[in-house]
Amino acid sequence: MGVHEPYDFVYDKVRAVMPSQTPGKWTFDVQGDLIIARRGRPVDRPAPSPTELQEAIDQDQGGRDR
């Protein structure tokens, strides 16, 4: 995860709660990506979706094959 992803997340949340505020981010003379986190091992299998989300997906499928 780079430095831009958390900023983008916070920016969206702040603007949703307080539209009159606009978060800022400044970088000076930066070259390349600044990585602040990474996963130590690859994901073998994704975590299951929350039940409520899976039910909504299943309902939206309307019995169609996936």
C-alpha atoms as a PDB file:
ATOM      1  CA  MET A   1       0.000   0.000   0.000  1.00  0.00           C
ATOM      2  CA  GLY A   2       1.350   3.328  -0.969  1.00  0.00           C
ATOM      3  CA  VAL A   3       0.870   6.678   0.712  1.00  0.00           C
ATOM      4  CA  HIS A   4      -1.826   7.670  -1.787  1.00  0.00           C
ATOM      5  CA  GLU A   5      -4.382   4.983  -0.867  1.00  0.00           C
ATOM      6  CA  PRO A   6      -4.910   6.037   2.783  1.00  0.00           C
ATOM      7  CA  TYR A   7      -5.056   9.692   1.729  1.00  0.00           C
ATOM      8  CA  ASP A   8      -7.714   8.964  -0.894  1.00  0.00           C
ATOM      9  CA  PHE A   9      -9.757   7.035   1.680  1.00  0.00           C
ATOM     10  CA  VAL A  10      -9.556   9.816   4.280  1.00  0.00           C
ATOM     11  CA  TYR A  11     -10.260  12.482   1.656  1.00  0.00           C
ATOM     12  CA  ASP A  12     -13.517  10.774   0.644  1.00  0.00           C
ATOM     13  CA  LYS A  13     -14.614  10.278   4.267  1.00  0.00           C
ATOM     14  CA  VAL A  14     -13.868  13.883   5.282  1.00  0.00           C
ATOM     15  CA  ARG A  15     -15.668  15.303   2.231  1.00  0.00           C
ATOM     16  CA  ALA A  16     -18.698  13.084   2.914  1.00  0.00           C
ATOM     17  CA  VAL A  17     -18.976  14.282   6.526  1.00  0.00           C
ATOM     18  CA  MET A  18     -17.871  17.901   6.079  1.00  0.00           C
ATOM     19  CA  PRO A  19     -18.137  19.055   2.434  1.00  0.00           C
ATOM     20  CA  SER A  20     -16.741  22.476   3.329  1.00  0.00           C
ATOM     21  CA  GLN A  21     -13.382  20.910   4.247  1.00  0.00           C
ATOM     22  CA  THR A  22     -10.934  19.784   1.593  1.00  0.00           C
ATOM     23  CA  PRO A  23      -7.982  17.739   2.866  1.00  0.00           C
ATOM     24  CA  GLY A  24      -4.669  18.485   1.218  1.00  0.00           C
ATOM     25  CA  LYS A  25      -1.571  16.445   0.493  1.00  0.00           C
ATOM     26  CA  TRP A  26       1.745  17.925  -0.549  1.00  0.00           C
ATOM     27  CA  THR A  27       4.841  16.201  -1.834  1.00  0.00           C
ATOM     28  CA  PHE A  28       8.005  18.026  -2.786  1.00  0.00           C
ATOM     29  CA  ASP A  29      10.738  16.613  -4.968  1.00  0.00           C
ATOM     30  CA  VAL A  30       9.459  13.031  -4.576  1.00  0.00           C
ATOM     31  CA  GLN A  31      10.401  10.430  -7.145  1.00  0.00           C
ATOM     32  CA  GLY A  32       8.921   6.949  -7.331  1.00  0.00           C
ATOM     33  CA  ASP A  33       6.391   5.297  -5.037  1.00  0.00           C
ATOM     34  CA  LEU A  34       6.442   5.525  -1.262  1.00  0.00           C
ATOM     35  CA  ILE A  35       5.284   2.144   0.043  1.00  0.00           C
ATOM     36  CA  ILE A  36       4.047   2.224   3.637  1.00  0.00           C
ATOM     37  CA  ALA A  37       2.737  -1.354   3.959  1.00  0.00           C
ATOM     38  CA  ARG A  38       2.725  -4.684   2.187  1.00  0.00           C
ATOM     39  CA  ARG A  39       1.469  -8.139   2.883  1.00  0.00           C
ATOM     40  CA  GLY A  40       4.110 -10.614   4.015  1.00  0.00           C
ATOM     41  CA  ARG A  41       2.592 -13.508   2.109  1.00  0.00           C
ATOM     42  CA  PRO A  42       0.136 -13.768  -0.763  1.00  0.00           C
ATOM     43  CA  VAL A  43      -3.550 -14.404  -0.175  1.00  0.00           C
ATOM     44  CA  ASP A  44      -4.350 -18.038  -0.982  1.00  0.00           C
ATOM     45  CA  ARG A  45      -8.089 -17.664  -0.674  1.00  0.00           C
ATOM     46  CA  PRO A  46     -10.105 -14.480  -0.166  1.00  0.00           C
ATOM     47  CA  ALA A  47     -12.071 -14.097   3.057  1.00  0.00           C
ATOM     48  CA  PRO A  48     -15.775 -14.890   2.735  1.00  0.00           C
ATOM     49  CA  SER A  49     -18.123 -11.986   2.106  1.00  0.00           C
ATOM     50  CA  PRO A  50     -20.263 -10.796   5.013  1.00  0.00           C
ATOM     51  CA  THR A  51     -23.584 -12.657   5.095  1.00  0.00           C
ATOM     52  CA  GLU A  52     -25.646  -9.536   4.348  1.00  0.00           C
ATOM     53  CA  LEU A  53     -23.541  -8.754   1.282  1.00  0.00           C
ATOM     54  CA  GLN A  54     -23.648 -12.337  -0.006  1.00  0.00           C
ATOM     55  CA  GLU A  55     -27.437 -12.448   0.396  1.00  0.00           C
ATOM     56  CA  ALA A  56     -27.772  -9.210  -1.587  1.00  0.00           C
ATOM     57  CA  ILE A  57     -25.546 -10.621  -4.337  1.00  0.00           C
ATOM     58  CA  ASP A  58     -27.492 -13.867  -4.432  1.00  0.00           C
ATOM     59  CA  GLN A  59     -30.792 -11.982  -4.571  1.00  0.00           C
ATOM     60  CA  ASP A  60     -29.515  -9.789  -7.408  1.00  0.00           C
ATOM     61  CA  GLN A  61     -28.498 -12.880  -9.416  1.00  0.00           C
ATOM     62  CA  GLY A  62     -32.161 -13.924  -9.538  1.00  0.00           C
ATOM     63  CA  GLY A  63     -31.296 -17.586  -9.925  1.00  0.00           C
ATOM     64  CA  ARG A  64     -28.948 -16.977 -12.864  1.00  0.00           C
ATOM     65  CA  ASP A  65     -25.826 -19.071 -13.179  1.00  0.00           C
ATOM     66  CA  ARG A  66     -22.708 -17.316 -11.986  1.00  0.00           C
END
